[in-house]
C-alpha atoms as a PDB file:
ATOM      1  CA  UNK A   1       0.000   0.000   0.000  1.00  0.00           C
ATOM      2  CA  UNK A   2       1.595   3.240  -1.125  1.00  0.00           C
ATOM      3  CA  UNK A   3       2.271   5.708   1.682  1.00  0.00           C
ATOM      4  CA  UNK A   4       2.275   3.181   4.526  1.00  0.00           C
ATOM      5  CA  UNK A   5       4.721   0.729   6.051  1.00  0.00           C
ATOM      6  CA  UNK A   6       3.266  -2.358   7.649  1.00  0.00           C
ATOM      7  CA  UNK A   7       4.667  -4.078  10.732  1.00  0.00           C
ATOM      8  CA  UNK A   8       3.739  -6.459  13.546  1.00  0.00           C
ATOM      9  CA  UNK A   9       4.902  -6.222  17.136  1.00  0.00           C
ATOM     10  CA  UNK A  10       4.907  -9.404  19.239  1.00  0.00           C
ATOM     11  CA  UNK A  11       7.199  -8.335  22.074  1.00  0.00           C
ATOM     12  CA  UNK A  12       6.052  -7.046  25.471  1.00  0.00           C
ATOM     13  CA  UNK A  13       3.627  -5.415  26.087  1.00  0.00           C
ATOM     14  CA  UNK A  14       2.211  -6.787  22.825  1.00  0.00           C
ATOM     15  CA  UNK A  15       3.278 -10.409  23.351  1.00  0.00           C
ATOM     16  CA  UNK A  16      -0.159 -11.609  24.507  1.00  0.00           C
ATOM     17  CA  UNK A  17      -2.264  -9.420  22.228  1.00  0.00           C
ATOM     18  CA  UNK A  18      -0.060  -8.797  19.205  1.00  0.00           C
ATOM     19  CA  UNK A  19      -0.226  -5.387  17.518  1.00  0.00           C
ATOM     20  CA  UNK A  20      -0.177  -4.902  13.735  1.00  0.00           C
ATOM     21  CA  UNK A  21       0.549  -1.376  12.531  1.00  0.00           C
ATOM     22  CA  UNK A  22       0.264   0.704   9.408  1.00  0.00           C
ATOM     23  CA  UNK A  23       2.739   3.546   9.784  1.00  0.00           C
ATOM     24  CA  UNK A  24       2.468   6.571   7.511  1.00  0.00           C
ATOM     25  CA  UNK A  25       5.482   6.825   5.182  1.00  0.00           C
ATOM     26  CA  UNK A  26       5.747  10.322   3.708  1.00  0.00           C
ATOM     27  CA  UNK A  27       8.399  12.822   2.709  1.00  0.00           C
ATOM     28  CA  UNK A  28       6.979  15.595   4.898  1.00  0.00           C
ATOM     29  CA  UNK A  29       7.796  15.844   8.612  1.00  0.00           C
ATOM     30  CA  UNK A  30       4.082  15.684   9.445  1.00  0.00           C
ATOM     31  CA  UNK A  31       1.617  13.606   7.458  1.00  0.00           C
ATOM     32  CA  UNK A  32      -2.080  12.713   7.819  1.00  0.00           C
ATOM     33  CA  UNK A  33      -3.442   9.183   7.899  1.00  0.00           C
ATOM     34  CA  UNK A  34      -6.712   8.993   5.945  1.00  0.00           C
ATOM     35  CA  UNK A  35      -9.312   6.238   5.614  1.00  0.00           C
ATOM     36  CA  UNK A  36     -11.735   7.567   3.030  1.00  0.00           C
ATOM     37  CA  UNK A  37     -14.863   5.670   1.934  1.00  0.00           C
ATOM     38  CA  UNK A  38     -16.328   5.965  -1.542  1.00  0.00           C
ATOM     39  CA  UNK A  39     -19.612   7.710  -2.256  1.00  0.00           C
ATOM     40  CA  UNK A  40     -22.058   7.127   0.586  1.00  0.00           C
ATOM     41  CA  UNK A  41     -19.863   4.499   2.228  1.00  0.00           C
ATOM     42  CA  UNK A  42     -19.219   4.483   5.979  1.00  0.00           C
ATOM     43  CA  UNK A  43     -16.155   4.095   8.198  1.00  0.00           C
ATOM     44  CA  UNK A  44     -16.412   0.905  10.255  1.00  0.00           C
ATOM     45  CA  UNK A  45     -14.498  -0.984  12.905  1.00  0.00           C
ATOM     46  CA  UNK A  46     -15.921  -4.351  11.805  1.00  0.00           C
ATOM     47  CA  UNK A  47     -17.179  -5.984   8.610  1.00  0.00           C
ATOM     48  CA  UNK A  48     -21.015  -6.172   8.570  1.00  0.00           C
ATOM     49  CA  UNK A  49     -22.288  -9.761   8.476  1.00  0.00           C
ATOM     50  CA  UNK A  50     -25.932  -9.340   9.609  1.00  0.00           C
ATOM     51  CA  UNK A  51     -25.137 -11.110  12.904  1.00  0.00           C
ATOM     52  CA  UNK A  52     -24.189  -9.885  16.360  1.00  0.00           C
ATOM     53  CA  UNK A  53     -20.536 -10.321  15.424  1.00  0.00           C
ATOM     54  CA  UNK A  54     -20.296  -7.769  12.630  1.00  0.00           C
ATOM     55  CA  UNK A  55     -23.722  -6.161  12.769  1.00  0.00           C
ATOM     56  CA  UNK A  56     -26.003  -4.880  10.025  1.00  0.00           C
ATOM     57  CA  UNK A  57     -24.954  -2.451   7.313  1.00  0.00           C
ATOM     58  CA  UNK A  58     -24.326   1.053   8.575  1.00  0.00           C
ATOM     59  CA  UNK A  59     -25.965   4.297   7.503  1.00  0.00           C
ATOM     60  CA  UNK A  60     -24.763   6.424   4.610  1.00  0.00           C
ATOM     61  CA  UNK A  61     -21.530   8.284   5.414  1.00  0.00           C
ATOM     62  CA  UNK A  62     -21.722   7.088   9.005  1.00  0.00           C
ATOM     63  CA  UNK A  63     -18.964   6.187  11.439  1.00  0.00           C
ATOM     64  CA  UNK A  64     -19.183   3.063  13.609  1.00  0.00           C
ATOM     65  CA  UNK A  65     -16.216   2.029  15.769  1.00  0.00           C
ATOM     66  CA  UNK A  66     -18.196  -0.072  18.270  1.00  0.00           C
ATOM     67  CA  UNK A  67     -16.693  -3.562  18.468  1.00  0.00           C
ATOM     68  CA  UNK A  68     -19.100  -5.413  20.793  1.00  0.00           C
ATOM     69  CA  UNK A  69     -22.849  -5.995  20.456  1.00  0.00           C
ATOM     70  CA  UNK A  70     -25.492  -8.568  21.344  1.00  0.00           C
ATOM     71  CA  UNK A  71     -27.754  -8.129  18.292  1.00  0.00           C
ATOM     72  CA  UNK A  72     -27.078  -7.249  14.678  1.00  0.00           C
ATOM     73  CA  UNK A  73     -29.126  -4.014  14.893  1.00  0.00           C
ATOM     74  CA  UNK A  74     -26.853  -2.427  17.507  1.00  0.00           C
ATOM     75  CA  UNK A  75     -24.935  -0.313  15.025  1.00  0.00           C
ATOM     76  CA  UNK A  76     -24.782   3.217  13.674  1.00  0.00           C
ATOM     77  CA  UNK A  77     -27.585   2.874  11.118  1.00  0.00           C
ATOM     78  CA  UNK A  78     -28.629   6.522  10.893  1.00  0.00           C
ATOM     79  CA  UNK A  79     -27.513   8.564   7.911  1.00  0.00           C
ATOM     80  CA  UNK A  80     -24.272  10.405   8.777  1.00  0.00           C
ATOM     81  CA  UNK A  81     -24.533   9.199  12.366  1.00  0.00           C
ATOM     82  CA  UNK A  82     -21.581   8.388  14.633  1.00  0.00           C
ATOM     83  CA  UNK A  83     -21.078   5.566  17.147  1.00  0.00           C
ATOM     84  CA  UNK A  84     -17.623   5.909  18.623  1.00  0.00           C
ATOM     85  CA  UNK A  85     -17.464   2.929  20.958  1.00  0.00           C
ATOM     86  CA  UNK A  86     -18.928   1.144  23.953  1.00  0.00           C
ATOM     87  CA  UNK A  87     -21.040  -2.006  23.849  1.00  0.00           C
ATOM     88  CA  UNK A  88     -24.502  -2.889  22.560  1.00  0.00           C
ATOM     89  CA  UNK A  89     -25.358   0.706  21.660  1.00  0.00           C
ATOM     90  CA  UNK A  90     -27.660   1.723  18.806  1.00  0.00           C
ATOM     91  CA  UNK A  91     -27.641   4.999  16.874  1.00  0.00           C
ATOM     92  CA  UNK A  92     -30.462   5.045  14.336  1.00  0.00           C
ATOM     93  CA  UNK A  93     -31.255   8.759  14.246  1.00  0.00           C
ATOM     94  CA  UNK A  94     -29.921  10.732  11.321  1.00  0.00           C
ATOM     95  CA  UNK A  95     -26.892  12.883  12.194  1.00  0.00           C
ATOM     96  CA  UNK A  96     -27.038  11.533  15.762  1.00  0.00           C
ATOM     97  CA  UNK A  97     -24.096  10.661  18.029  1.00  0.00           C
ATOM     98  CA  UNK A  98     -23.423   7.842  20.472  1.00  0.00           C
ATOM     99  CA  UNK A  99     -20.216   8.387  22.423  1.00  0.00           C
ATOM    100  CA  UNK A 100     -20.125   4.999  24.112  1.00  0.00           C
ATOM    101  CA  UNK A 101     -21.444   3.347  27.251  1.00  0.00           C
ATOM    102  CA  UNK A 102     -23.628   0.252  27.317  1.00  0.00           C
ATOM    103  CA  UNK A 103     -27.032  -0.485  25.822  1.00  0.00           C
ATOM    104  CA  UNK A 104     -27.927   3.122  24.967  1.00  0.00           C
ATOM    105  CA  UNK A 105     -30.372   3.825  22.138  1.00  0.00           C
ATOM    106  CA  UNK A 106     -30.329   7.077  20.149  1.00  0.00           C
ATOM    107  CA  UNK A 107     -33.271   7.277  17.752  1.00  0.00           C
ATOM    108  CA  UNK A 108     -33.867  11.032  17.584  1.00  0.00           C
ATOM    109  CA  UNK A 109     -32.374  12.984  14.701  1.00  0.00           C
ATOM    110  CA  UNK A 110     -29.426  15.100  15.881  1.00  0.00           C
ATOM    111  CA  UNK A 111     -29.679  13.378  19.271  1.00  0.00           C
ATOM    112  CA  UNK A 112     -26.637  12.834  21.486  1.00  0.00           C
ATOM    113  CA  UNK A 113     -25.820  10.057  23.940  1.00  0.00           C
ATOM    114  CA  UNK A 114     -22.794  10.861  26.049  1.00  0.00           C
ATOM    115  CA  UNK A 115     -22.573   7.329  27.418  1.00  0.00           C
ATOM    116  CA  UNK A 116     -23.911   5.703  30.554  1.00  0.00           C
ATOM    117  CA  UNK A 117     -26.217   2.703  30.708  1.00  0.00           C
ATOM    118  CA  UNK A 118     -29.594   1.894  29.168  1.00  0.00           C
ATOM    119  CA  UNK A 119     -30.550   5.457  28.236  1.00  0.00           C
ATOM    120  CA  UNK A 120     -33.013   6.295  25.460  1.00  0.00           C
ATOM    121  CA  UNK A 121     -32.517   9.474  23.430  1.00  0.00           C
ATOM    122  CA  UNK A 122     -35.672   9.674  21.347  1.00  0.00           C
ATOM    123  CA  UNK A 123     -36.437  13.346  20.771  1.00  0.00           C
ATOM    124  CA  UNK A 124     -35.076  15.481  17.948  1.00  0.00           C
ATOM    125  CA  UNK A 125     -32.056  17.481  19.194  1.00  0.00           C
ATOM    126  CA  UNK A 126     -32.358  15.812  22.622  1.00  0.00           C
ATOM    127  CA  UNK A 127     -29.445  14.817  24.854  1.00  0.00           C
ATOM    128  CA  UNK A 128     -28.557  12.460  27.669  1.00  0.00           C
ATOM    129  CA  UNK A 129     -24.983  13.176  28.798  1.00  0.00           C
ATOM    130  CA  UNK A 130     -24.567   9.906  30.717  1.00  0.00           C
ATOM    131  CA  UNK A 131     -25.976   8.343  33.847  1.00  0.00           C
ATOM    132  CA  UNK A 132     -28.325   5.386  33.944  1.00  0.00           C
ATOM    133  CA  UNK A 133     -31.822   4.610  32.650  1.00  0.00           C
ATOM    134  CA  UNK A 134     -32.998   8.075  31.605  1.00  0.00           C
ATOM    135  CA  UNK A 135     -35.224   8.917  28.644  1.00  0.00           C
ATOM    136  CA  UNK A 136     -36.037  12.061  26.684  1.00  0.00           C
ATOM    137  CA  UNK A 137     -39.566  10.742  25.962  1.00  0.00           C
ATOM    138  CA  UNK A 138     -39.465  11.840  22.305  1.00  0.00           C
ATOM    139  CA  UNK A 139     -39.387  15.522  23.322  1.00  0.00           C
ATOM    140  CA  UNK A 140     -37.651  18.127  21.184  1.00  0.00           C
ATOM    141  CA  UNK A 141     -34.396  19.445  22.636  1.00  0.00           C
ATOM    142  CA  UNK A 142     -34.859  17.860  26.069  1.00  0.00           C
ATOM    143  CA  UNK A 143     -31.872  16.988  28.261  1.00  0.00           C
ATOM    144  CA  UNK A 144     -32.373  14.185  30.782  1.00  0.00           C
ATOM    145  CA  UNK A 145     -30.220  12.430  33.355  1.00  0.00           C
ATOM    146  CA  UNK A 146     -30.843   9.720  35.954  1.00  0.00           C
ATOM    147  CA  UNK A 147     -28.906   7.431  38.266  1.00  0.00           C
ATOM    148  CA  UNK A 148     -31.247   4.472  37.901  1.00  0.00           C
ATOM    149  CA  UNK A 149     -34.940   3.634  37.952  1.00  0.00           C
ATOM    150  CA  UNK A 150     -37.579   2.320  40.329  1.00  0.00           C
ATOM    151  CA  UNK A 151     -39.115   0.050  37.736  1.00  0.00           C
ATOM    152  CA  UNK A 152     -39.392   1.740  34.339  1.00  0.00           C
ATOM    153  CA  UNK A 153     -37.132   3.922  32.240  1.00  0.00           C
ATOM    154  CA  UNK A 154     -37.213   7.588  33.286  1.00  0.00           C
ATOM    155  CA  UNK A 155     -39.332   7.149  36.417  1.00  0.00           C
ATOM    156  CA  UNK A 156     -36.709   8.886  38.591  1.00  0.00           C
ATOM    157  CA  UNK A 157     -34.910  11.540  36.569  1.00  0.00           C
ATOM    158  CA  UNK A 158     -34.151  15.211  36.059  1.00  0.00           C
ATOM    159  CA  UNK A 159     -35.276  16.947  32.882  1.00  0.00           C
ATOM    160  CA  UNK A 160     -34.271  20.276  31.396  1.00  0.00           C
ATOM    161  CA  UNK A 161     -36.166  22.160  28.706  1.00  0.00           C
ATOM    162  CA  UNK A 162     -35.240  25.375  26.879  1.00  0.00           C
ATOM    163  CA  UNK A 163     -38.378  27.068  25.566  1.00  0.00           C
ATOM    164  CA  UNK A 164     -38.749  30.215  23.480  1.00  0.00           C
ATOM    165  CA  UNK A 165     -41.226  32.458  21.771  1.00  0.00           C
ATOM    166  CA  UNK A 166     -41.307  35.599  19.609  1.00  0.00           C
ATOM    167  CA  UNK A 167     -44.107  38.124  20.021  1.00  0.00           C
ATOM    168  CA  UNK A 168     -45.001  41.308  18.145  1.00  0.00           C
ATOM    169  CA  UNK A 169     -48.449  41.918  19.609  1.00  0.00           C
ATOM    170  CA  UNK A 170     -50.353  41.651  22.860  1.00  0.00           C
ATOM    171  CA  UNK A 171     -51.574  38.111  22.250  1.00  0.00           C
ATOM    172  CA  UNK A 172     -50.451  35.499  24.818  1.00  0.00           C
ATOM    173  CA  UNK A 173     -47.683  33.251  23.457  1.00  0.00           C
ATOM    174  CA  UNK A 174     -46.954  29.714  24.657  1.00  0.00           C
ATOM    175  CA  UNK A 175     -43.223  29.112  24.816  1.00  0.00           C
ATOM    176  CA  UNK A 176     -42.018  25.951  23.066  1.00  0.00           C
ATOM    177  CA  UNK A 177     -38.703  24.271  22.316  1.00  0.00           C
ATOM    178  CA  UNK A 178     -38.877  25.060  18.594  1.00  0.00           C
ATOM    179  CA  UNK A 179     -40.927  28.285  18.668  1.00  0.00           C
ATOM    180  CA  UNK A 180     -43.782  26.489  16.901  1.00  0.00           C
ATOM    181  CA  UNK A 181     -47.356  25.902  18.023  1.00  0.00           C
ATOM    182  CA  UNK A 182     -47.618  23.999  21.297  1.00  0.00           C
ATOM    183  CA  UNK A 183     -47.752  20.221  20.854  1.00  0.00           C
ATOM    184  CA  UNK A 184     -46.996  16.950  22.612  1.00  0.00           C
ATOM    185  CA  UNK A 185     -43.328  17.030  21.513  1.00  0.00           C
ATOM    186  CA  UNK A 186     -42.078  20.594  22.090  1.00  0.00           C
ATOM    187  CA  UNK A 187     -42.978  21.349  25.735  1.00  0.00           C
ATOM    188  CA  UNK A 188     -42.412  19.791  29.151  1.00  0.00           C
ATOM    189  CA  UNK A 189     -44.907  16.946  28.661  1.00  0.00           C
ATOM    190  CA  UNK A 190     -45.698  14.506  31.473  1.00  0.00           C
ATOM    191  CA  UNK A 191     -46.371  10.812  30.890  1.00  0.00           C
ATOM    192  CA  UNK A 192     -49.544   9.335  32.358  1.00  0.00           C
ATOM    193  CA  UNK A 193     -49.566   8.770  36.134  1.00  0.00           C
ATOM    194  CA  UNK A 194     -46.689  11.099  36.990  1.00  0.00           C
ATOM    195  CA  UNK A 195     -45.850  14.258  38.901  1.00  0.00           C
ATOM    196  CA  UNK A 196     -43.114  16.831  38.375  1.00  0.00           C
ATOM    197  CA  UNK A 197     -41.732  19.515  40.646  1.00  0.00           C
ATOM    198  CA  UNK A 198     -40.567  22.328  38.393  1.00  0.00           C
ATOM    199  CA  UNK A 199     -38.631  25.566  38.537  1.00  0.00           C
ATOM    200  CA  UNK A 200     -37.990  28.043  35.776  1.00  0.00           C
ATOM    201  CA  UNK A 201     -36.127  31.191  34.823  1.00  0.00           C
ATOM    202  CA  UNK A 202     -37.541  33.406  32.069  1.00  0.00           C
ATOM    203  CA  UNK A 203     -36.136  36.424  30.269  1.00  0.00           C
ATOM    204  CA  UNK A 204     -38.078  38.626  27.844  1.00  0.00           C
ATOM    205  CA  UNK A 205     -36.010  41.022  25.739  1.00  0.00           C
ATOM    206  CA  UNK A 206     -37.277  43.637  23.309  1.00  0.00           C
ATOM    207  CA  UNK A 207     -35.244  43.645  20.091  1.00  0.00           C
ATOM    208  CA  UNK A 208     -36.659  46.548  18.048  1.00  0.00           C
ATOM    209  CA  UNK A 209     -35.317  49.096  20.562  1.00  0.00           C
ATOM    210  CA  UNK A 210     -32.497  48.986  23.093  1.00  0.00           C
ATOM    211  CA  UNK A 211     -33.128  48.916  26.822  1.00  0.00           C
ATOM    212  CA  UNK A 212     -36.344  47.033  27.547  1.00  0.00           C
ATOM    213  CA  UNK A 213     -36.342  43.662  29.326  1.00  0.00           C
ATOM    214  CA  UNK A 214     -38.153  41.718  32.018  1.00  0.00           C
ATOM    215  CA  UNK A 215     -37.451  38.548  33.963  1.00  0.00           C
ATOM    216  CA  UNK A 216     -39.325  36.043  36.120  1.00  0.00           C
ATOM    217  CA  UNK A 217     -38.780  32.908  38.160  1.00  0.00           C
ATOM    218  CA  UNK A 218     -41.298  30.293  39.216  1.00  0.00           C
ATOM    219  CA  UNK A 219     -41.579  27.015  41.111  1.00  0.00           C
ATOM    220  CA  UNK A 220     -44.414  24.553  41.466  1.00  0.00           C
ATOM    221  CA  UNK A 221     -45.678  20.996  41.238  1.00  0.00           C
ATOM    222  CA  UNK A 222     -47.777  19.538  38.460  1.00  0.00           C
ATOM    223  CA  UNK A 223     -49.264  16.080  38.012  1.00  0.00           C
ATOM    224  CA  UNK A 224     -50.971  14.050  35.314  1.00  0.00           C
ATOM    225  CA  UNK A 225     -53.382  11.166  35.761  1.00  0.00           C
ATOM    226  CA  UNK A 226     -54.712   8.786  33.131  1.00  0.00           C
ATOM    227  CA  UNK A 227     -54.630  11.213  30.212  1.00  0.00           C
ATOM    228  CA  UNK A 228     -53.671  14.716  29.079  1.00  0.00           C
ATOM    229  CA  UNK A 229     -56.992  16.196  30.187  1.00  0.00           C
ATOM    230  CA  UNK A 230     -56.254  15.200  33.789  1.00  0.00           C
ATOM    231  CA  UNK A 231     -53.075  17.318  33.966  1.00  0.00           C
ATOM    232  CA  UNK A 232     -53.278  19.887  36.772  1.00  0.00           C
ATOM    233  CA  UNK A 233     -51.081  22.057  38.952  1.00  0.00           C
ATOM    234  CA  UNK A 234     -51.133  20.944  42.583  1.00  0.00           C
ATOM    235  CA  UNK A 235     -51.331  24.571  43.678  1.00  0.00           C
ATOM    236  CA  UNK A 236     -51.463  27.769  41.647  1.00  0.00           C
ATOM    237  CA  UNK A 237     -48.023  28.719  40.293  1.00  0.00           C
ATOM    238  CA  UNK A 238     -47.073  32.368  40.710  1.00  0.00           C
ATOM    239  CA  UNK A 239     -44.325  33.869  38.584  1.00  0.00           C
ATOM    240  CA  UNK A 240     -42.086  36.237  40.558  1.00  0.00           C
ATOM    241  CA  UNK A 241     -40.728  39.248  38.686  1.00  0.00           C
ATOM    242  CA  UNK A 242     -36.949  39.467  39.076  1.00  0.00           C
ATOM    243  CA  UNK A 243     -36.763  42.803  37.304  1.00  0.00           C
ATOM    244  CA  UNK A 244     -38.561  44.817  34.653  1.00  0.00           C
ATOM    245  CA  UNK A 245     -37.769  48.032  32.808  1.00  0.00           C
ATOM    246  CA  UNK A 246     -40.436  50.709  32.702  1.00  0.00           C
ATOM    247  CA  UNK A 247     -41.295  49.739  29.138  1.00  0.00           C
ATOM    248  CA  UNK A 248     -41.930  46.158  30.224  1.00  0.00           C
ATOM    249  CA  UNK A 249     -44.008  46.896  33.305  1.00  0.00           C
ATOM    250  CA  UNK A 250     -47.188  45.448  31.804  1.00  0.00           C
ATOM    251  CA  UNK A 251     -45.637  42.208  30.496  1.00  0.00           C
ATOM    252  CA  UNK A 252     -46.833  39.095  32.273  1.00  0.00           C
ATOM    253  CA  UNK A 253     -45.901  35.431  32.603  1.00  0.00           C
ATOM    254  CA  UNK A 254     -48.267  32.628  33.564  1.00  0.00           C
ATOM    255  CA  UNK A 255     -47.563  28.955  34.251  1.00  0.00           C
ATOM    256  CA  UNK A 256     -50.493  26.539  34.111  1.00  0.00           C
ATOM    257  CA  UNK A 257     -51.385  23.002  33.062  1.00  0.00           C
ATOM    258  CA  UNK A 258     -51.757  22.284  29.351  1.00  0.00           C
ATOM    259  CA  UNK A 259     -54.749  19.935  29.425  1.00  0.00           C
ATOM    260  CA  UNK A 260     -54.706  19.506  25.647  1.00  0.00           C
ATOM    261  CA  UNK A 261     -51.161  18.176  25.354  1.00  0.00           C
ATOM    262  CA  UNK A 262     -50.671  17.044  28.938  1.00  0.00           C
ATOM    263  CA  UNK A 263     -47.810  19.166  30.189  1.00  0.00           C
ATOM    264  CA  UNK A 264     -46.593  22.504  31.525  1.00  0.00           C
ATOM    265  CA  UNK A 265     -47.809  25.625  29.710  1.00  0.00           C
ATOM    266  CA  UNK A 266     -45.461  28.604  30.041  1.00  0.00           C
ATOM    267  CA  UNK A 267     -47.144  31.626  28.500  1.00  0.00           C
ATOM    268  CA  UNK A 268     -45.903  35.192  28.060  1.00  0.00           C
ATOM    269  CA  UNK A 269     -47.926  38.272  27.152  1.00  0.00           C
ATOM    270  CA  UNK A 270     -46.147  41.422  25.989  1.00  0.00           C
ATOM    271  CA  UNK A 271     -47.461  44.363  23.963  1.00  0.00           C
ATOM    272  CA  UNK A 272     -48.607  45.228  20.473  1.00  0.00           C
ATOM    273  CA  UNK A 273     -46.037  46.948  18.304  1.00  0.00           C
ATOM    274  CA  UNK A 274     -43.106  45.596  20.314  1.00  0.00           C
ATOM    275  CA  UNK A 275     -40.884  42.764  19.077  1.00  0.00           C
ATOM    276  CA  UNK A 276     -39.965  40.649  22.086  1.00  0.00           C
ATOM    277  CA  UNK A 277     -37.917  37.470  22.329  1.00  0.00           C
ATOM    278  CA  UNK A 278     -38.636  35.339  25.404  1.00  0.00           C
ATOM    279  CA  UNK A 279     -36.577  32.365  26.602  1.00  0.00           C
ATOM    280  CA  UNK A 280     -37.351  29.989  29.472  1.00  0.00           C
ATOM    281  CA  UNK A 281     -35.068  27.430  31.101  1.00  0.00           C
ATOM    282  CA  UNK A 282     -37.295  24.932  32.888  1.00  0.00           C
ATOM    283  CA  UNK A 283     -35.963  22.162  35.135  1.00  0.00           C
ATOM    284  CA  UNK A 284     -38.081  19.299  36.413  1.00  0.00           C
ATOM    285  CA  UNK A 285     -37.772  16.564  39.020  1.00  0.00           C
ATOM    286  CA  UNK A 286     -39.695  13.827  37.214  1.00  0.00           C
ATOM    287  CA  UNK A 287     -41.330  10.911  39.024  1.00  0.00           C
ATOM    288  CA  UNK A 288     -43.608   8.447  37.273  1.00  0.00           C
ATOM    289  CA  UNK A 289     -45.458   5.284  38.280  1.00  0.00           C
END
């Protein structure tokens, strides 16, 4: 192979597990080593064989360096997805990343698994940095972490949601993770038979002029029974103003139960003729049955 020199080392510390090497041979002092697939080919650590040994075919232009699995589907099958190591992990979301760990599943597009054990990253742009047995419940942009479960995935975890909304009038605006209409995938949505204790920080900032902002914080507890319609706050949640310029004195924030989608509704109301960007960071202690 032009540009490389092959060798094998069998002496200590490589006497038990021998090491074969391809060493770059180039005229320059520094030289890159490149493994470049053709077309939509992927970069793999093992030859696919449709068994647990080599796994199924990988996704287009993907990277899969995981060398241990228990089923053939535990591979980087998403288009342009990356699985860098670990054992028995699956990355099927397009442009998603699995860093390693054991038995983690990343199905959401652009999702990220940082490692850990038996986590499920199912929402678009969602993340689990590590830990054990957490789930993002298919929610957009959610970050979740847990240290284990009582009996089911995600029944003892912390969730974080970043919500936003743009207003130009005095109509109330529900903040969502993707600034779209409120739904069952872009808010803090509770599963059936669960309760969350939540806290949030909100900032509203006028962008068409300089010098007008307002901020709030809130805490509360919300629960959901057998369906979305049964979602209710345990006690009324009052948003506390942390500061407001004179031009934002009439802006308000309310936090209630979304009985249509079954979650937390964070709603801001500003003023007509003013362009205001509002962002909420909401954290939740999530307990489910």
